[in-house]
Every structure is written in C-alpha cells, then in structure tokens.
C-alpha cells in the first residue's frame, strides 16, 4: 500500500506543473547584436615619455622643520641661530618654536 502511494506521488509530481505568477515568471528576452564602438585614444600624447621627462621639473625636496621647545633661555638660543643662520625662518607654534632651515644640507650640518 505504501509503495503504491509513493508511486502515485511521483507520477503526480512529474506530470503536474506549478503555476507561477506573472511577477515571478521569466520574460523572453530578445538577443541584440551589439556592434563594437571604435574610439580614438585621447591619451596617446601622454605616451611620449621622452618629451614628458624633459618638460617635468625635478621633485621638490621636503625639508622637515626643527621644533624647539620653549625654555627659560629660548631668546638667547634664537639670537644665536639668527646670527649664525640668517636665512632660517622662526615661527611660534603651540608651545614650540618651529625653525625652518633654507636647505637640507644646512639642517643636517648645523642643527
């Protein structure tokens, strides 16, 4: 009896179909032949590396500033720095004096 019930269940599932709503149904799609779009390379002039190298400037070197913490004798220290290196710029910034040398060599040698 059970075997017959299983057999009928299989026959019904194979022969019957499920009704699907229009919202979930797959819609037939038309296949369009898309043609290739030909474009020109607008950046071709950038590929000329030789010309570009001659036109570019050398990169600017970043010279890190020296931060001098304020002490009781900071005025004497600033006077000495300004006498020895008049081309440096000194600015006050949040409790520190920011000393910016003119070149990287000056920073390495003298400070």
PDB file of N, CA and C in Angstrom:
ATOM      1  N   UNK A   1       0.809  -1.173   0.000  1.00  0.00           N
ATOM      2  CA  UNK A   1       0.000   0.000   0.000  1.00  0.00           C
ATOM      3  C   UNK A   1       0.873   1.266   0.000  1.00  0.00           C
ATOM      4  N   UNK A   2       1.882   1.234   0.827  1.00  0.00           N
ATOM      5  CA  UNK A   2       2.768   2.392   0.910  1.00  0.00           C
ATOM      6  C   UNK A   2       3.528   2.592  -0.400  1.00  0.00           C
ATOM      7  N   UNK A   3       3.944   1.495  -1.034  1.00  0.00           N
ATOM      8  CA  UNK A   3       4.679   1.590  -2.295  1.00  0.00           C
ATOM      9  C   UNK A   3       3.808   2.204  -3.373  1.00  0.00           C
ATOM     10  N   UNK A   4       2.534   1.857  -3.391  1.00  0.00           N
ATOM     11  CA  UNK A   4       1.622   2.422  -4.389  1.00  0.00           C
ATOM     12  C   UNK A   4       1.427   3.916  -4.145  1.00  0.00           C
ATOM     13  N   UNK A   5       1.354   4.300  -2.921  1.00  0.00           N
ATOM     14  CA  UNK A   5       1.191   5.714  -2.571  1.00  0.00           C
ATOM     15  C   UNK A   5       2.406   6.535  -3.029  1.00  0.00           C
ATOM     16  N   UNK A   6       3.591   5.973  -2.838  1.00  0.00           N
ATOM     17  CA  UNK A   6       4.822   6.647  -3.266  1.00  0.00           C
ATOM     18  C   UNK A   6       4.866   6.742  -4.780  1.00  0.00           C
ATOM     19  N   UNK A   7       4.449   5.675  -5.485  1.00  0.00           N
ATOM     20  CA  UNK A   7       4.452   5.666  -6.950  1.00  0.00           C
ATOM     21  C   UNK A   7       3.510   6.724  -7.492  1.00  0.00           C
ATOM     22  N   UNK A   8       2.314   6.843  -6.912  1.00  0.00           N
ATOM     23  CA  UNK A   8       1.347   7.841  -7.375  1.00  0.00           C
ATOM     24  C   UNK A   8       1.859   9.261  -7.106  1.00  0.00           C
ATOM     25  N   UNK A   9       2.525   9.423  -5.986  1.00  0.00           N
ATOM     26  CA  UNK A   9       3.084  10.733  -5.668  1.00  0.00           C
ATOM     27  C   UNK A   9       4.129  11.161  -6.682  1.00  0.00           C
ATOM     28  N   UNK A  10       4.955  10.240  -7.133  1.00  0.00           N
ATOM     29  CA  UNK A  10       5.972  10.542  -8.148  1.00  0.00           C
ATOM     30  C   UNK A  10       5.320  10.874  -9.481  1.00  0.00           C
ATOM     31  N   UNK A  11       4.298  10.113  -9.866  1.00  0.00           N
ATOM     32  CA  UNK A  11       3.614  10.369 -11.136  1.00  0.00           C
ATOM     33  C   UNK A  11       2.973  11.744 -11.126  1.00  0.00           C
ATOM     34  N   UNK A  12       2.356  12.115 -10.025  1.00  0.00           N
ATOM     35  CA  UNK A  12       1.716  13.422  -9.942  1.00  0.00           C
ATOM     36  C   UNK A  12       2.747  14.545 -10.013  1.00  0.00           C
ATOM     37  N   UNK A  13       3.868  14.354  -9.333  1.00  0.00           N
ATOM     38  CA  UNK A  13       4.879  15.413  -9.349  1.00  0.00           C
ATOM     39  C   UNK A  13       5.529  15.548 -10.717  1.00  0.00           C
ATOM     40  N   UNK A  14       5.664  14.453 -11.475  1.00  0.00           N
ATOM     41  CA  UNK A  14       6.259  14.518 -12.804  1.00  0.00           C
ATOM     42  C   UNK A  14       5.290  15.109 -13.810  1.00  0.00           C
ATOM     43  N   UNK A  15       4.014  14.777 -13.707  1.00  0.00           N
ATOM     44  CA  UNK A  15       3.033  15.225 -14.692  1.00  0.00           C
ATOM     45  C   UNK A  15       2.485  16.611 -14.383  1.00  0.00           C
ATOM     46  N   UNK A  16       2.380  16.953 -13.157  1.00  0.00           N
ATOM     47  CA  UNK A  16       1.803  18.252 -12.826  1.00  0.00           C
ATOM     48  C   UNK A  16       2.869  19.338 -12.931  1.00  0.00           C
ATOM     49  N   UNK A  17       2.414  20.552 -13.079  1.00  0.00           N
ATOM     50  CA  UNK A  17       3.347  21.674 -13.129  1.00  0.00           C
ATOM     51  C   UNK A  17       2.867  22.749 -12.174  1.00  0.00           C
ATOM     52  N   UNK A  18       3.749  23.616 -11.869  1.00  0.00           N
ATOM     53  CA  UNK A  18       3.473  24.650 -10.895  1.00  0.00           C
ATOM     54  C   UNK A  18       3.078  25.925 -11.624  1.00  0.00           C
ATOM     55  N   UNK A  19       2.030  26.565 -11.176  1.00  0.00           N
ATOM     56  CA  UNK A  19       1.604  27.822 -11.780  1.00  0.00           C
ATOM     57  C   UNK A  19       2.389  28.947 -11.103  1.00  0.00           C
ATOM     58  N   UNK A  20       3.037  29.755 -11.929  1.00  0.00           N
ATOM     59  CA  UNK A  20       3.878  30.835 -11.434  1.00  0.00           C
ATOM     60  C   UNK A  20       3.202  32.155 -11.761  1.00  0.00           C
ATOM     61  N   UNK A  21       3.266  33.089 -10.848  1.00  0.00           N
ATOM     62  CA  UNK A  21       2.651  34.392 -11.090  1.00  0.00           C
ATOM     63  C   UNK A  21       3.435  35.147 -12.160  1.00  0.00           C
ATOM     64  N   UNK A  22       2.778  36.145 -12.757  1.00  0.00           N
ATOM     65  CA  UNK A  22       3.437  36.917 -13.819  1.00  0.00           C
ATOM     66  C   UNK A  22       4.642  37.690 -13.274  1.00  0.00           C
ATOM     67  N   UNK A  23       4.560  38.060 -12.039  1.00  0.00           N
ATOM     68  CA  UNK A  23       5.647  38.821 -11.430  1.00  0.00           C
ATOM     69  C   UNK A  23       6.933  38.006 -11.365  1.00  0.00           C
ATOM     70  N   UNK A  24       6.806  36.723 -11.071  1.00  0.00           N
ATOM     71  CA  UNK A  24       7.978  35.868 -10.924  1.00  0.00           C
ATOM     72  C   UNK A  24       8.354  35.130 -12.200  1.00  0.00           C
ATOM     73  N   UNK A  25       7.534  35.206 -13.224  1.00  0.00           N
ATOM     74  CA  UNK A  25       7.795  34.455 -14.453  1.00  0.00           C
ATOM     75  C   UNK A  25       8.946  35.095 -15.224  1.00  0.00           C
ATOM     76  N   UNK A  26       9.723  34.256 -15.865  1.00  0.00           N
ATOM     77  CA  UNK A  26      10.823  34.740 -16.694  1.00  0.00           C
ATOM     78  C   UNK A  26      10.256  35.278 -17.989  1.00  0.00           C
ATOM     79  N   UNK A  27      10.710  36.433 -18.377  1.00  0.00           N
ATOM     80  CA  UNK A  27      10.215  37.058 -19.599  1.00  0.00           C
ATOM     81  C   UNK A  27      11.167  36.736 -20.742  1.00  0.00           C
ATOM     82  N   UNK A  28      10.612  36.477 -21.926  1.00  0.00           N
ATOM     83  CA  UNK A  28      11.500  36.203 -23.065  1.00  0.00           C
ATOM     84  C   UNK A  28      12.284  37.465 -23.432  1.00  0.00           C
ATOM     85  N   UNK A  29      13.547  37.298 -23.643  1.00  0.00           N
ATOM     86  CA  UNK A  29      14.407  38.433 -23.964  1.00  0.00           C
ATOM     87  C   UNK A  29      14.922  38.282 -25.385  1.00  0.00           C
ATOM     88  N   UNK A  30      14.938  39.394 -26.080  1.00  0.00           N
ATOM     89  CA  UNK A  30      15.461  39.364 -27.441  1.00  0.00           C
ATOM     90  C   UNK A  30      16.972  39.554 -27.389  1.00  0.00           C
ATOM     91  N   UNK A  31      17.669  38.817 -28.202  1.00  0.00           N
ATOM     92  CA  UNK A  31      19.124  38.896 -28.252  1.00  0.00           C
ATOM     93  C   UNK A  31      19.495  39.936 -29.296  1.00  0.00           C
ATOM     94  N   UNK A  32      20.173  40.985 -28.836  1.00  0.00           N
ATOM     95  CA  UNK A  32      20.579  42.048 -29.748  1.00  0.00           C
ATOM     96  C   UNK A  32      22.051  41.881 -30.089  1.00  0.00           C
ATOM     97  N   UNK A  33      22.369  42.088 -31.339  1.00  0.00           N
ATOM     98  CA  UNK A  33      23.771  42.056 -31.760  1.00  0.00           C
ATOM     99  C   UNK A  33      24.360  43.442 -31.522  1.00  0.00           C
ATOM    100  N   UNK A  34      25.228  43.516 -30.561  1.00  0.00           N
ATOM    101  CA  UNK A  34      25.838  44.799 -30.242  1.00  0.00           C
ATOM    102  C   UNK A  34      27.109  44.959 -31.063  1.00  0.00           C
ATOM    103  N   UNK A  35      27.176  46.053 -31.787  1.00  0.00           N
ATOM    104  CA  UNK A  35      28.363  46.304 -32.598  1.00  0.00           C
ATOM    105  C   UNK A  35      29.412  46.996 -31.737  1.00  0.00           C
ATOM    106  N   UNK A  36      30.667  46.800 -32.081  1.00  0.00           N
ATOM    107  CA  UNK A  36      31.756  47.416 -31.334  1.00  0.00           C
ATOM    108  C   UNK A  36      31.832  48.900 -31.660  1.00  0.00           C
ATOM    109  N   UNK A  37      32.107  49.671 -30.653  1.00  0.00           N
ATOM    110  CA  UNK A  37      32.247  51.108 -30.823  1.00  0.00           C
ATOM    111  C   UNK A  37      33.735  51.418 -30.892  1.00  0.00           C
ATOM    112  N   UNK A  38      34.141  52.038 -31.958  1.00  0.00           N
ATOM    113  CA  UNK A  38      35.551  52.366 -32.132  1.00  0.00           C
ATOM    114  C   UNK A  38      35.801  53.767 -31.585  1.00  0.00           C
ATOM    115  N   UNK A  39      36.805  53.870 -30.740  1.00  0.00           N
ATOM    116  CA  UNK A  39      37.165  55.163 -30.168  1.00  0.00           C
ATOM    117  C   UNK A  39      38.648  55.411 -30.389  1.00  0.00           C
ATOM    118  N   UNK A  40      39.003  56.669 -30.388  1.00  0.00           N
ATOM    119  CA  UNK A  40      40.420  57.005 -30.517  1.00  0.00           C
ATOM    120  C   UNK A  40      41.010  57.155 -29.119  1.00  0.00           C
ATOM    121  N   UNK A  41      42.298  56.947 -29.011  1.00  0.00           N
ATOM    122  CA  UNK A  41      42.975  57.048 -27.725  1.00  0.00           C
ATOM    123  C   UNK A  41      43.297  58.518 -27.462  1.00  0.00           C
ATOM    124  N   UNK A  42      42.550  59.117 -26.560  1.00  0.00           N
ATOM    125  CA  UNK A  42      42.744  60.533 -26.265  1.00  0.00           C
ATOM    126  C   UNK A  42      44.024  60.793 -25.477  1.00  0.00           C
ATOM    127  N   UNK A  43      44.591  59.766 -24.896  1.00  0.00           N
ATOM    128  CA  UNK A  43      45.776  59.930 -24.066  1.00  0.00           C
ATOM    129  C   UNK A  43      47.047  59.477 -24.791  1.00  0.00           C
ATOM    130  N   UNK A  44      46.998  59.405 -26.088  1.00  0.00           N
ATOM    131  CA  UNK A  44      48.149  58.966 -26.862  1.00  0.00           C
ATOM    132  C   UNK A  44      49.330  59.919 -26.673  1.00  0.00           C
ATOM    133  N   UNK A  45      49.033  61.201 -26.571  1.00  0.00           N
ATOM    134  CA  UNK A  45      50.126  62.166 -26.415  1.00  0.00           C
ATOM    135  C   UNK A  45      50.844  62.007 -25.077  1.00  0.00           C
ATOM    136  N   UNK A  46      50.213  61.374 -24.110  1.00  0.00           N
ATOM    137  CA  UNK A  46      50.874  61.140 -22.830  1.00  0.00           C
ATOM    138  C   UNK A  46      51.854  59.978 -22.898  1.00  0.00           C
ATOM    139  N   UNK A  47      51.759  59.182 -23.939  1.00  0.00           N
ATOM    140  CA  UNK A  47      52.631  58.026 -24.077  1.00  0.00           C
ATOM    141  C   UNK A  47      54.044  58.422 -24.502  1.00  0.00           C
ATOM    142  N   UNK A  48      54.216  59.627 -24.967  1.00  0.00           N
ATOM    143  CA  UNK A  48      55.539  60.089 -25.376  1.00  0.00           C
ATOM    144  C   UNK A  48      56.341  60.432 -24.125  1.00  0.00           C
ATOM    145  N   UNK A  49      57.001  59.444 -23.576  1.00  0.00           N
ATOM    146  CA  UNK A  49      57.689  59.583 -22.295  1.00  0.00           C
ATOM    147  C   UNK A  49      58.922  60.466 -22.431  1.00  0.00           C
ATOM    148  N   UNK A  50      59.588  60.400 -23.551  1.00  0.00           N
ATOM    149  CA  UNK A  50      60.822  61.171 -23.720  1.00  0.00           C
ATOM    150  C   UNK A  50      60.546  62.666 -23.626  1.00  0.00           C
ATOM    151  N   UNK A  51      59.485  63.111 -24.274  1.00  0.00           N
ATOM    152  CA  UNK A  51      59.155  64.528 -24.221  1.00  0.00           C
ATOM    153  C   UNK A  51      58.705  64.921 -22.824  1.00  0.00           C
ATOM    154  N   UNK A  52      57.992  64.053 -22.180  1.00  0.00           N
ATOM    155  CA  UNK A  52      57.457  64.359 -20.868  1.00  0.00           C
ATOM    156  C   UNK A  52      58.574  64.481 -19.833  1.00  0.00           C
ATOM    157  N   UNK A  53      59.599  63.675 -19.938  1.00  0.00           N
ATOM    158  CA  UNK A  53      60.705  63.738 -18.983  1.00  0.00           C
ATOM    159  C   UNK A  53      61.448  65.061 -19.071  1.00  0.00           C
ATOM    160  N   UNK A  54      61.597  65.605 -20.273  1.00  0.00           N
ATOM    161  CA  UNK A  54      62.320  66.859 -20.419  1.00  0.00           C
ATOM    162  C   UNK A  54      61.499  68.034 -19.906  1.00  0.00           C
ATOM    163  N   UNK A  55      60.174  67.933 -19.935  1.00  0.00           N
ATOM    164  CA  UNK A  55      59.335  69.044 -19.525  1.00  0.00           C
ATOM    165  C   UNK A  55      59.117  69.102 -18.017  1.00  0.00           C
ATOM    166  N   UNK A  56      59.213  67.987 -17.350  1.00  0.00           N
ATOM    167  CA  UNK A  56      58.913  67.981 -15.917  1.00  0.00           C
ATOM    168  C   UNK A  56      60.074  68.549 -15.112  1.00  0.00           C
ATOM    169  N   UNK A  57      59.719  69.200 -14.019  1.00  0.00           N
ATOM    170  CA  UNK A  57      60.726  69.751 -13.120  1.00  0.00           C
ATOM    171  C   UNK A  57      61.137  68.670 -12.125  1.00  0.00           C
ATOM    172  N   UNK A  58      62.328  68.769 -11.591  1.00  0.00           N
ATOM    173  CA  UNK A  58      62.717  67.787 -10.565  1.00  0.00           C
ATOM    174  C   UNK A  58      61.827  67.959  -9.338  1.00  0.00           C
ATOM    175  N   UNK A  59      61.561  66.881  -8.630  1.00  0.00           N
ATOM    176  CA  UNK A  59      60.675  66.986  -7.470  1.00  0.00           C
ATOM    177  C   UNK A  59      61.300  67.841  -6.371  1.00  0.00           C
ATOM    178  N   UNK A  60      60.456  68.622  -5.719  1.00  0.00           N
ATOM    179  CA  UNK A  60      60.941  69.479  -4.647  1.00  0.00           C
ATOM    180  C   UNK A  60      61.193  68.630  -3.411  1.00  0.00           C
ATOM    181  N   UNK A  61      62.297  68.916  -2.755  1.00  0.00           N
ATOM    182  CA  UNK A  61      62.624  68.160  -1.550  1.00  0.00           C
ATOM    183  C   UNK A  61      61.941  68.813  -0.361  1.00  0.00           C
ATOM    184  N   UNK A  62      61.423  68.000   0.504  1.00  0.00           N
ATOM    185  CA  UNK A  62      60.754  68.479   1.707  1.00  0.00           C
ATOM    186  C   UNK A  62      61.783  68.569   2.821  1.00  0.00           C
ATOM    187  N   UNK A  63      61.899  69.737   3.395  1.00  0.00           N
ATOM    188  CA  UNK A  63      62.843  69.953   4.488  1.00  0.00           C
ATOM    189  C   UNK A  63      62.039  69.988   5.784  1.00  0.00           C
ATOM    190  N   UNK A  64      62.210  68.995   6.641  1.00  0.00           N
ATOM    191  CA  UNK A  64      61.442  69.000   7.885  1.00  0.00           C
ATOM    192  C   UNK A  64      61.906  70.115   8.817  1.00  0.00           C
ATOM    193  N   UNK A  65      60.950  70.687   9.505  1.00  0.00           N
ATOM    194  CA  UNK A  65      61.262  71.776  10.432  1.00  0.00           C
ATOM    195  C   UNK A  65      61.821  71.213  11.733  1.00  0.00           C
ATOM    196  N   UNK A  66      62.548  72.071  12.442  1.00  0.00           N
ATOM    197  CA  UNK A  66      63.095  71.710  13.747  1.00  0.00           C
ATOM    198  C   UNK A  66      62.212  72.379  14.792  1.00  0.00           C
ATOM    199  N   UNK A  67      61.701  71.604  15.730  1.00  0.00           N
ATOM    200  CA  UNK A  67      60.839  72.147  16.779  1.00  0.00           C
ATOM    201  C   UNK A  67      61.646  72.317  18.059  1.00  0.00           C
ATOM    202  N   UNK A  68      61.749  73.558  18.503  1.00  0.00           N
ATOM    203  CA  UNK A  68      62.491  73.893  19.712  1.00  0.00           C
ATOM    204  C   UNK A  68      61.487  74.193  20.815  1.00  0.00           C
ATOM    205  N   UNK A  69      61.547  73.426  21.894  1.00  0.00           N
ATOM    206  CA  UNK A  69      60.617  73.631  22.999  1.00  0.00           C
ATOM    207  C   UNK A  69      61.010  74.892  23.763  1.00  0.00           C
ATOM    208  N   UNK A  70      60.006  75.645  24.184  1.00  0.00           N
ATOM    209  CA  UNK A  70      60.271  76.887  24.910  1.00  0.00           C
ATOM    210  C   UNK A  70      60.878  76.578  26.279  1.00  0.00           C
ATOM    211  N   UNK A  71      61.987  77.236  26.554  1.00  0.00           N
ATOM    212  CA  UNK A  71      62.640  77.132  27.861  1.00  0.00           C
ATOM    213  C   UNK A  71      62.866  78.552  28.382  1.00  0.00           C
ATOM    214  N   UNK A  72      63.517  78.659  29.504  1.00  0.00           N
ATOM    215  CA  UNK A  72      63.776  79.986  30.075  1.00  0.00           C
ATOM    216  C   UNK A  72      64.737  80.806  29.217  1.00  0.00           C
ATOM    217  N   UNK A  73      65.677  80.150  28.542  1.00  0.00           N
ATOM    218  CA  UNK A  73      66.670  80.869  27.743  1.00  0.00           C
ATOM    219  C   UNK A  73      66.429  80.708  26.235  1.00  0.00           C
ATOM    220  N   UNK A  74      65.176  80.569  25.821  1.00  0.00           N
ATOM    221  CA  UNK A  74      64.895  80.382  24.393  1.00  0.00           C
ATOM    222  C   UNK A  74      65.285  81.604  23.581  1.00  0.00           C
ATOM    223  N   UNK A  75      65.231  82.806  24.203  1.00  0.00           N
ATOM    224  CA  UNK A  75      65.572  84.029  23.496  1.00  0.00           C
ATOM    225  C   UNK A  75      67.046  84.024  23.091  1.00  0.00           C
ATOM    226  N   UNK A  76      67.908  83.571  23.967  1.00  0.00           N
ATOM    227  CA  UNK A  76      69.340  83.505  23.648  1.00  0.00           C
ATOM    228  C   UNK A  76      69.606  82.487  22.539  1.00  0.00           C
ATOM    229  N   UNK A  77      68.888  81.376  22.594  1.00  0.00           N
ATOM    230  CA  UNK A  77      69.054  80.351  21.556  1.00  0.00           C
ATOM    231  C   UNK A  77      68.618  80.890  20.200  1.00  0.00           C
ATOM    232  N   UNK A  78      67.502  81.610  20.164  1.00  0.00           N
ATOM    233  CA  UNK A  78      67.030  82.192  18.900  1.00  0.00           C
ATOM    234  C   UNK A  78      67.997  83.243  18.369  1.00  0.00           C
ATOM    235  N   UNK A  79      68.575  84.043  19.255  1.00  0.00           N
ATOM    236  CA  UNK A  79      69.547  85.048  18.819  1.00  0.00           C
ATOM    237  C   UNK A  79      70.766  84.388  18.193  1.00  0.00           C
ATOM    238  N   UNK A  80      71.232  83.316  18.795  1.00  0.00           N
ATOM    239  CA  UNK A  80      72.394  82.609  18.255  1.00  0.00           C
ATOM    240  C   UNK A  80      72.077  81.989  16.892  1.00  0.00           C
ATOM    241  N   UNK A  81      70.903  81.409  16.770  1.00  0.00           N
ATOM    242  CA  UNK A  81      70.508  80.808  15.485  1.00  0.00           C
ATOM    243  C   UNK A  81      70.382  81.881  14.416  1.00  0.00           C
ATOM    244  N   UNK A  82      69.793  83.029  14.759  1.00  0.00           N
ATOM    245  CA  UNK A  82      69.627  84.085  13.751  1.00  0.00           C
ATOM    246  C   UNK A  82      70.964  84.714  13.364  1.00  0.00           C
ATOM    247  N   UNK A  83      71.940  84.757  14.290  1.00  0.00           N
ATOM    248  CA  UNK A  83      73.272  85.258  13.936  1.00  0.00           C
ATOM    249  C   UNK A  83      74.002  84.296  13.006  1.00  0.00           C
ATOM    250  N   UNK A  84      73.948  83.013  13.318  1.00  0.00           N
ATOM    251  CA  UNK A  84      74.679  82.022  12.525  1.00  0.00           C
ATOM    252  C   UNK A  84      73.976  81.682  11.210  1.00  0.00           C
ATOM    253  N   UNK A  85      72.658  81.709  11.214  1.00  0.00           N
ATOM    254  CA  UNK A  85      71.884  81.323  10.021  1.00  0.00           C
ATOM    255  C   UNK A  85      70.766  82.334   9.789  1.00  0.00           C
ATOM    256  N   UNK A  86      71.065  83.455   9.155  1.00  0.00           N
ATOM    257  CA  UNK A  86      70.037  84.494   8.977  1.00  0.00           C
ATOM    258  C   UNK A  86      68.936  84.102   7.981  1.00  0.00           C
ATOM    259  N   UNK A  87      69.157  83.092   7.166  1.00  0.00           N
ATOM    260  CA  UNK A  87      68.163  82.726   6.152  1.00  0.00           C
ATOM    261  C   UNK A  87      67.054  81.822   6.692  1.00  0.00           C
ATOM    262  N   UNK A  88      67.171  81.357   7.932  1.00  0.00           N
ATOM    263  CA  UNK A  88      66.134  80.496   8.505  1.00  0.00           C
ATOM    264  C   UNK A  88      64.929  81.320   8.925  1.00  0.00           C
ATOM    265  N   UNK A  89      63.772  80.657   8.961  1.00  0.00           N
ATOM    266  CA  UNK A  89      62.558  81.313   9.447  1.00  0.00           C
ATOM    267  C   UNK A  89      62.149  80.662  10.755  1.00  0.00           C
ATOM    268  N   UNK A  90      61.727  81.489  11.698  1.00  0.00           N
ATOM    269  CA  UNK A  90      61.333  81.013  13.019  1.00  0.00           C
ATOM    270  C   UNK A  90      59.884  81.415  13.264  1.00  0.00           C
ATOM    271  N   UNK A  91      59.063  80.447  13.678  1.00  0.00           N
ATOM    272  CA  UNK A  91      57.654  80.719  13.964  1.00  0.00           C
ATOM    273  C   UNK A  91      57.263  80.020  15.257  1.00  0.00           C
ATOM    274  N   UNK A  92      56.382  80.670  16.002  1.00  0.00           N
ATOM    275  CA  UNK A  92      55.860  80.085  17.234  1.00  0.00           C
ATOM    276  C   UNK A  92      54.651  79.228  16.883  1.00  0.00           C
ATOM    277  N   UNK A  93      54.615  78.001  17.414  1.00  0.00           N
ATOM    278  CA  UNK A  93      53.505  77.098  17.114  1.00  0.00           C
ATOM    279  C   UNK A  93      53.240  76.197  18.312  1.00  0.00           C
ATOM    280  N   UNK A  94      52.199  76.505  19.094  1.00  0.00           N
ATOM    281  CA  UNK A  94      51.703  75.655  20.183  1.00  0.00           C
ATOM    282  C   UNK A  94      52.779  75.271  21.205  1.00  0.00           C
ATOM    283  N   UNK A  95      53.470  76.223  21.711  1.00  0.00           N
ATOM    284  CA  UNK A  95      54.466  75.942  22.739  1.00  0.00           C
ATOM    285  C   UNK A  95      55.831  75.563  22.194  1.00  0.00           C
ATOM    286  N   UNK A  96      55.991  75.546  20.885  1.00  0.00           N
ATOM    287  CA  UNK A  96      57.269  75.227  20.257  1.00  0.00           C
ATOM    288  C   UNK A  96      57.638  76.341  19.294  1.00  0.00           C
ATOM    289  N   UNK A  97      58.923  76.495  19.057  1.00  0.00           N
ATOM    290  CA  UNK A  97      59.395  77.401  18.019  1.00  0.00           C
ATOM    291  C   UNK A  97      59.797  76.534  16.840  1.00  0.00           C
ATOM    292  N   UNK A  98      59.146  76.760  15.732  1.00  0.00           N
ATOM    293  CA  UNK A  98      59.399  75.975  14.524  1.00  0.00           C
ATOM    294  C   UNK A  98      60.483  76.679  13.720  1.00  0.00           C
ATOM    295  N   UNK A  99      61.631  76.036  13.589  1.00  0.00           N
ATOM    296  CA  UNK A  99      62.768  76.595  12.862  1.00  0.00           C
ATOM    297  C   UNK A  99      62.851  75.874  11.524  1.00  0.00           C
ATOM    298  N   UNK A 100      62.705  76.640  10.439  1.00  0.00           N
ATOM    299  CA  UNK A 100      62.742  76.066   9.103  1.00  0.00           C
ATOM    300  C   UNK A 100      64.025  76.494   8.410  1.00  0.00           C
ATOM    301  N   UNK A 101      64.971  75.565   8.201  1.00  0.00           N
ATOM    302  CA  UNK A 101      66.214  75.924   7.511  1.00  0.00           C
ATOM    303  C   UNK A 101      65.972  76.106   6.014  1.00  0.00           C
ATOM    304  N   UNK A 102      66.934  76.744   5.370  1.00  0.00           N
ATOM    305  CA  UNK A 102      66.806  77.051   3.949  1.00  0.00           C
ATOM    306  C   UNK A 102      67.043  75.828   3.071  1.00  0.00           C
ATOM    307  N   UNK A 103      67.932  74.943   3.463  1.00  0.00           N
ATOM    308  CA  UNK A 103      68.218  73.754   2.658  1.00  0.00           C
ATOM    309  C   UNK A 103      68.406  72.552   3.577  1.00  0.00           C
ATOM    310  N   UNK A 104      68.367  71.386   2.978  1.00  0.00           N
ATOM    311  CA  UNK A 104      68.518  70.149   3.737  1.00  0.00           C
ATOM    312  C   UNK A 104      69.938  70.018   4.279  1.00  0.00           C
ATOM    313  N   UNK A 105      70.921  70.508   3.522  1.00  0.00           N
ATOM    314  CA  UNK A 105      72.310  70.444   3.973  1.00  0.00           C
ATOM    315  C   UNK A 105      72.515  71.299   5.220  1.00  0.00           C
ATOM    316  N   UNK A 106      71.893  72.486   5.237  1.00  0.00           N
ATOM    317  CA  UNK A 106      72.004  73.349   6.417  1.00  0.00           C
ATOM    318  C   UNK A 106      71.412  72.671   7.641  1.00  0.00           C
ATOM    319  N   UNK A 107      70.322  71.985   7.448  1.00  0.00           N
ATOM    320  CA  UNK A 107      69.667  71.310   8.577  1.00  0.00           C
ATOM    321  C   UNK A 107      70.551  70.205   9.136  1.00  0.00           C
ATOM    322  N   UNK A 108      71.162  69.414   8.242  1.00  0.00           N
ATOM    323  CA  UNK A 108      71.973  68.280   8.683  1.00  0.00           C
ATOM    324  C   UNK A 108      73.291  68.729   9.316  1.00  0.00           C
ATOM    325  N   UNK A 109      73.906  69.768   8.774  1.00  0.00           N
ATOM    326  CA  UNK A 109      75.217  70.195   9.261  1.00  0.00           C
ATOM    327  C   UNK A 109      75.129  70.987  10.560  1.00  0.00           C
ATOM    328  N   UNK A 110      74.235  71.924  10.610  1.00  0.00           N
ATOM    329  CA  UNK A 110      74.295  72.929  11.661  1.00  0.00           C
ATOM    330  C   UNK A 110      73.353  72.704  12.834  1.00  0.00           C
ATOM    331  N   UNK A 111      72.388  71.850  12.703  1.00  0.00           N
ATOM    332  CA  UNK A 111      71.423  71.718  13.801  1.00  0.00           C
ATOM    333  C   UNK A 111      71.568  70.394  14.455  1.00  0.00           C
TER     334      UNK A 111
END
